[in-house]
Protein backbone atom coordinates (compact mmCIF):
# COMPACT_ATOMS: atom_id res chain seq x y z
CA UNK A 1 0.29 -0.27 0.29
CA UNK A 2 1.16 3.49 -1.00
CA UNK A 3 0.70 6.35 2.05
CA UNK A 4 0.25 9.69 0.19
CA UNK A 5 0.63 12.36 3.35
CA UNK A 6 0.59 15.80 2.77
CA UNK A 7 2.38 18.60 5.49
CA UNK A 8 0.09 21.11 5.38
CA UNK A 9 -0.54 24.41 7.24
CA UNK A 10 -0.87 27.93 5.60
CA UNK A 11 1.35 29.76 8.07
CA UNK A 12 5.03 29.88 6.66
CA UNK A 13 8.09 29.07 8.57
CA UNK A 14 6.74 26.06 10.76
CA UNK A 15 8.99 23.84 9.38
CA UNK A 16 7.00 22.07 6.63
CA UNK A 17 9.52 21.76 4.48
CA UNK A 18 12.37 20.52 6.67
CA UNK A 19 9.88 17.84 7.78
CA UNK A 20 8.42 16.62 4.41
CA UNK A 21 12.48 16.64 3.45
CA UNK A 22 14.11 14.95 6.59
CA UNK A 23 10.50 11.92 7.30
CA UNK A 24 11.52 11.09 3.75
CA UNK A 25 15.18 10.40 3.96
CA UNK A 26 14.69 9.13 7.03
CA UNK A 27 12.26 6.68 5.59
CA UNK A 28 14.27 6.13 2.50
CA UNK A 29 16.91 5.22 4.92
CA UNK A 30 14.97 2.29 6.55
CA UNK A 31 14.44 0.98 2.92
CA UNK A 32 11.03 2.57 1.94
CA UNK A 33 10.76 3.80 -1.60
CA UNK A 34 9.97 7.56 -1.36
CA UNK A 35 8.33 10.34 -3.65
CA UNK A 36 8.56 13.85 -2.42
CA UNK A 37 6.19 16.32 -4.40
CA UNK A 38 6.88 19.75 -4.16
CA UNK A 39 3.97 22.09 -5.16
CA UNK A 40 5.05 24.92 -3.78
CA UNK A 41 6.44 27.45 -6.43
CA UNK A 42 9.28 28.57 -3.82
CA UNK A 43 10.71 25.09 -4.82
CA UNK A 44 11.62 24.43 -0.97
CA UNK A 45 12.09 20.79 -0.86
CA UNK A 46 13.79 20.97 -4.43
CA UNK A 47 16.44 23.14 -3.28
CA UNK A 48 16.84 21.35 0.40
CA UNK A 49 17.38 18.00 -1.86
CA UNK A 50 20.34 19.44 -3.59
CA UNK A 51 18.66 19.73 -6.76
CA UNK A 52 19.78 22.17 -9.28
CA UNK A 53 16.92 23.89 -10.64
CA UNK A 54 18.36 25.17 -13.74
CA UNK A 55 19.21 22.02 -15.18
CA UNK A 56 15.53 20.96 -14.81
CA UNK A 57 14.06 20.25 -17.91
CA UNK A 58 10.68 19.09 -16.52
CA UNK A 59 8.88 19.99 -13.21
CA UNK A 60 5.42 19.85 -11.37
CA UNK A 61 4.20 22.72 -13.60
CA UNK A 62 4.45 20.72 -16.87
CA UNK A 63 2.40 18.22 -14.82
CA UNK A 64 -0.69 20.26 -14.02
CA UNK A 65 -0.22 22.36 -17.06
CA UNK A 66 0.74 21.25 -19.65
CA UNK A 67 -0.43 17.72 -18.80
CA UNK A 68 3.13 16.15 -18.99
CA UNK A 69 3.08 12.44 -17.46
CA UNK A 70 4.61 12.69 -13.91
CA UNK A 71 6.79 9.83 -14.28
CA UNK A 72 8.74 12.04 -16.87
CA UNK A 73 9.36 14.94 -14.03
CA UNK A 74 10.39 12.14 -11.42
CA UNK A 75 14.12 13.12 -10.59
CA UNK A 76 16.90 11.67 -8.81
CA UNK A 77 17.87 12.70 -5.56
CA UNK A 78 21.34 11.02 -5.65
CA UNK A 79 20.09 9.00 -2.46
CA UNK A 80 19.02 5.67 -2.74
CA UNK A 81 15.13 4.92 -2.07
CA UNK A 82 14.34 8.88 -2.37
CA UNK A 83 13.08 10.35 -5.47
CA UNK A 84 11.34 14.34 -6.25
CA UNK A 85 9.11 15.80 -8.43
CA UNK A 86 10.51 19.24 -8.16
CA UNK A 87 8.87 22.59 -8.50
CA UNK A 88 10.11 25.94 -10.28
CA UNK A 89 8.95 29.50 -9.96
CA UNK A 90 6.56 29.26 -13.13
CA UNK A 91 4.15 26.98 -10.85
CA UNK A 92 2.92 30.17 -9.27
CA UNK A 93 0.93 30.58 -12.26
CA UNK A 94 -0.47 27.39 -12.53
CA UNK A 95 -3.94 29.08 -10.49
CA UNK A 96 -4.81 31.23 -12.86
CA UNK A 97 -3.81 29.00 -16.11
CA UNK A 98 -6.28 26.17 -14.81
CA UNK A 99 -8.79 28.47 -13.98
CA UNK A 100 -10.78 27.39 -16.80
CA UNK A 101 -9.98 23.52 -17.07
CA UNK A 102 -12.44 21.11 -15.83
CA UNK A 103 -11.94 18.96 -11.89
CA UNK A 104 -9.04 21.27 -11.49
CA UNK A 105 -8.82 20.45 -7.82
CA UNK A 106 -7.67 16.82 -9.05
CA UNK A 107 -4.92 16.92 -11.55
CA UNK A 108 -2.30 15.99 -9.08
CA UNK A 109 -4.42 13.01 -7.71
CA UNK A 110 -4.59 11.65 -11.05
CA UNK A 111 -0.98 12.45 -12.21
CA UNK A 112 -0.01 10.23 -9.08
CA UNK A 113 -2.48 7.67 -10.13
CA UNK A 114 -0.15 6.64 -12.84
CA UNK A 115 2.88 6.01 -10.76
CA UNK A 116 1.61 5.79 -6.76
CA UNK A 117 2.62 2.07 -7.24
CA UNK A 118 6.18 2.57 -7.18
CA UNK A 119 6.05 3.90 -3.91
CA UNK A 120 5.40 3.18 -0.10
CA UNK A 121 5.30 6.62 0.46
CA UNK A 122 4.49 9.95 -1.11
CA UNK A 123 5.26 13.23 0.86
CA UNK A 124 3.84 16.06 -0.87
CA UNK A 125 5.04 19.89 0.37
CA UNK A 126 2.05 22.54 -0.50
CA UNK A 127 2.58 26.09 -0.38
CA UNK A 128 1.98 28.52 3.24
CA UNK A 129 -1.57 29.34 1.59
CA UNK A 130 -5.09 27.40 1.27
CA UNK A 131 -5.28 28.02 -2.62
CA UNK A 132 -5.77 25.71 -5.70
CA UNK A 133 -2.27 24.26 -5.02
CA UNK A 134 -2.95 23.13 -1.96
CA UNK A 135 -6.42 22.07 -2.10
CA UNK A 136 -4.91 19.84 -4.98
CA UNK A 137 -2.21 18.42 -2.59
CA UNK A 138 -5.09 17.83 0.31
CA UNK A 139 -7.24 15.95 -2.83
CA UNK A 140 -4.49 13.61 -3.62
CA UNK A 141 -3.15 13.17 -0.39
CA UNK A 142 -4.69 10.25 2.00
CA UNK A 143 -3.60 11.78 5.25
CA UNK A 144 -2.33 15.15 6.31
CA UNK A 145 0.43 15.96 8.52
CA UNK A 146 0.04 19.61 10.36
CA UNK A 147 3.31 21.06 11.56
CA UNK A 148 2.81 23.58 14.37
CA UNK A 149 5.29 26.24 15.38
CA UNK A 150 5.92 26.51 19.28
CA UNK A 151 5.73 30.20 19.08
CA UNK A 152 2.96 32.76 20.40
CA UNK A 153 -0.28 32.71 17.84
CA UNK A 154 0.69 29.11 16.71
CA UNK A 155 -2.77 28.04 16.65
CA UNK A 156 -4.11 30.80 15.03
CA UNK A 157 -5.46 30.16 11.63
CA UNK A 158 -5.44 26.47 12.37
CA UNK A 159 -9.37 26.73 12.41
CA UNK A 160 -8.94 27.62 8.89
CA UNK A 161 -6.96 24.78 7.67
CA UNK A 162 -9.26 22.77 9.60
CA UNK A 163 -12.08 23.83 7.82
CA UNK A 164 -10.67 23.26 4.10
CA UNK A 165 -9.82 20.07 5.23
CA UNK A 166 -13.25 19.41 6.11
CA UNK A 167 -14.46 20.97 2.57
CA UNK A 168 -11.98 18.92 0.73
CA UNK A 169 -12.85 15.80 2.39
CA UNK A 170 -17.24 16.91 1.86
CA UNK A 171 -16.69 17.43 -1.52
CA UNK A 172 -13.07 15.84 -3.00
CA UNK A 173 -11.38 13.36 -0.83
CA UNK A 174 -13.78 11.66 1.37
CA UNK A 175 -11.15 9.54 2.98
CA UNK A 176 -8.96 12.46 3.76
CA UNK A 177 -7.84 12.08 7.63
CA UNK A 178 -5.41 13.72 9.75
CA UNK A 179 -2.43 11.58 10.78
CA UNK A 180 -0.66 13.88 13.73
CA UNK A 181 -0.28 17.50 14.63
CA UNK A 182 3.30 17.67 14.50
CA UNK A 183 4.95 20.45 17.34
CA UNK A 184 8.08 21.89 15.70
CA UNK A 185 10.71 24.81 16.63
CA UNK A 186 10.43 23.59 20.24
CA UNK A 187 12.73 25.08 22.57
CA UNK A 188 12.37 23.24 26.35
CA UNK A 189 13.90 26.19 27.95
CA UNK A 190 10.58 28.67 27.36
CA UNK A 191 7.41 28.63 29.20
CA UNK A 192 5.64 29.74 26.25
CA UNK A 193 7.01 26.15 24.10
CA UNK A 194 5.31 24.41 26.61
CA UNK A 195 2.30 26.47 26.73
CA UNK A 196 1.59 25.51 23.28
CA UNK A 197 2.71 22.02 23.82
CA UNK A 198 -0.27 21.61 26.14
CA UNK A 199 -3.03 23.76 24.29
CA UNK A 200 -2.32 21.47 20.98
CA UNK A 201 -2.91 18.20 23.32
CA UNK A 202 -6.03 20.16 24.73
CA UNK A 203 -7.20 20.83 21.16
CA UNK A 204 -6.39 17.63 19.53
CA UNK A 205 -5.59 14.98 21.98
CA UNK A 206 -4.27 11.58 20.66
CA UNK A 207 -3.63 12.94 17.43
CA UNK A 208 -0.25 14.99 18.59
CA UNK A 209 2.76 13.23 17.80
CA UNK A 210 4.89 12.47 20.73
CA UNK A 211 7.81 13.01 18.89
CA UNK A 212 8.68 16.57 19.29
CA UNK A 213 10.83 18.33 17.01
CA UNK A 214 13.11 20.85 18.63
CA UNK A 215 14.39 24.17 17.87
CA UNK A 216 17.88 23.23 16.34
CA UNK A 217 20.87 25.07 14.35
CA UNK A 218 21.68 22.36 12.27
CA UNK A 219 18.30 21.87 10.57
CA UNK A 220 18.41 25.13 9.58
CA UNK A 221 21.44 25.28 7.84
CA UNK A 222 20.89 21.96 6.31
CA UNK A 223 19.15 23.29 3.40
CA UNK A 224 21.47 26.12 2.76
CA UNK A 225 23.88 22.86 1.82
CA UNK A 226 21.09 20.93 -0.08
CA UNK A 227 21.49 18.62 2.57
CA UNK A 228 19.07 16.34 4.80
CA UNK A 229 19.51 16.77 8.59
CA UNK A 230 21.39 13.04 8.02
CA UNK A 231 23.79 14.24 5.87
CA UNK A 232 25.22 17.38 7.53
CA UNK A 233 24.82 16.57 11.24
CA UNK A 234 23.59 12.97 11.71
CA UNK A 235 24.36 13.17 15.62
CA UNK A 236 22.62 16.25 16.16
CA UNK A 237 19.09 16.58 17.93
CA UNK A 238 17.65 17.35 14.83
CA UNK A 239 18.67 13.93 13.42
CA UNK A 240 17.33 11.87 16.37
CA UNK A 241 13.72 13.99 16.52
CA UNK A 242 13.30 13.17 12.48
CA UNK A 243 14.13 9.69 13.01
CA UNK A 244 11.78 8.94 15.90
CA UNK A 245 9.16 10.88 13.74
CA UNK A 246 9.56 8.47 10.71
CA UNK A 247 9.03 5.51 13.16
CA UNK A 248 5.90 7.30 14.77
CA UNK A 249 4.42 7.95 11.83
CA UNK A 250 5.12 4.49 10.58
CA UNK A 251 3.95 2.77 13.47
CA UNK A 252 0.79 5.05 13.38
CA UNK A 253 -0.09 3.74 9.92
CA UNK A 254 0.37 0.40 10.75
CA UNK A 255 -2.22 1.16 13.56
CA UNK A 256 -4.55 3.08 11.21
CA UNK A 257 -4.79 -0.10 8.80
CA UNK A 258 -5.04 -2.99 10.97
């Protein structure tokens, strides 16, 4: 079974891309076949995995707008078991270019149906917004992981995301479910971080992952080198956290399907 998971939050700077890339790398290291789908015009997952955007001949833009088979837009990352469908800035125009396309909300789902059997996990990194690209990601996925920053106003706007998830579930993707809420950028030295963690548990209960992603300098540095945390700082707290998260994520999925 292929697990298609979108990491979504319309608020930027919450560790969404960091989580997609490093969970993907951790799963690949465990022998899972992983595809990262970068559907964010900023292309941060693409850069994080060291892909030279100037050399790309095909990206997700070509899949969604030009009807290119997604198999022709999949690129190796140079890492065993880990591939990516990259994103380029041209993707920012997709919402306008697709305005008259029938069933435009399901374009990504239909594209992935042609390749999903190749992978154990497909991890989708959408933009920090609730527009057409994010709706495509939610429509294509079976599960949502919501990264939440352990800072002031962290929960502000989550109600809008949850409303969007409900709308997509009711109208486009009835199997969509929240796999978990992930606390990121956690600084155990501050009372605020603990307060946010407590509030998350009050709102989401068991849906909150036990694994917490710490505020870690190495996690912030790794993307500038085009490396995952396991390549850049394998002994760091960030690497340990994402290893634990990948294990917890796999355990949750196993429980969900038994």
